[in-house]
Amino acid sequence: MSRVTPAASPRRDARRNHERLLREARRLFAERGVDAPLDELAIRAGVGAGTVYRHFPNRDALVRELYDSGVAELHDLASDILGAETGWRSVELYLERLGAWVADQPYLPAVMQRVAELDPSHRPGAAFEEAIDGLVGRAQVEGSLRPDVTAVDLSILVDMLGSLGQYGREYLPFWRRQLTIVLDGLRARPDLTPMPVPGQRFAEFHDMSHKKGPKPAR
């Protein structure tokens, strides 16, 4: 049986507090926005206000960590999506997994916007461009995805599906109806309606997606 040293226990407690604060911050921001009082975060997490500020010296530090942890979650999803047996299955998983991920975290747009204001040069999402381009290309080569769809189109559709989270958890059992409609619209077939305009560049979409929506009060 391993012995717990006096130094190990405080570190373990600090990690638990940190994880609890992040978990409760996600819930609080989903309900009240990213400018919700941090005193309320302390109450929800069952810690003192001083503990909040020891882990996050200010609100921006908390928002930045929520953003970076979200990017890490996307990396965790990538292997299953990109390793699917067919290109079309990758498209399905991309929309399904990411759409559900966004719908379950309605605070994300405000977090993305705040980080873009804090540090416009922080662009970890741009690292996904090559992977999504490859996913699209693979499905188009196999003839399953309509040939005029781009990585930006799929990313916009993730945002659209994810926006269903605004209706609350009561709607989440039904959102796959919209997913099914979207997937049918993406399938390659001979009677496609031509796209009315060319697609947007990924870099432009990335910047736009980090600035969308009304600015929260500061």
Foldseek 3Di string as FASTA:
>chain_A
DDDDDPVNVVVVVLVVLLVLLLVLQLVCCLVPNLPPDVCVSCVSSVHHSVSVCVNPVDSLSSLVVNLVVVLVVVVVQLCPLLVDPALLSSLLSLLVVLLVVLLVRVRVLLSLQSVCVVDVVPQPVVVCQVVLQVSLVRCVVVQFFAPQDGSLNSVVSSVVSSVVSVVPPVCVVPSVVVVVVVSVLGTDDDPHDDDPDHDDDPVVSSSDSSNDDDHDDD
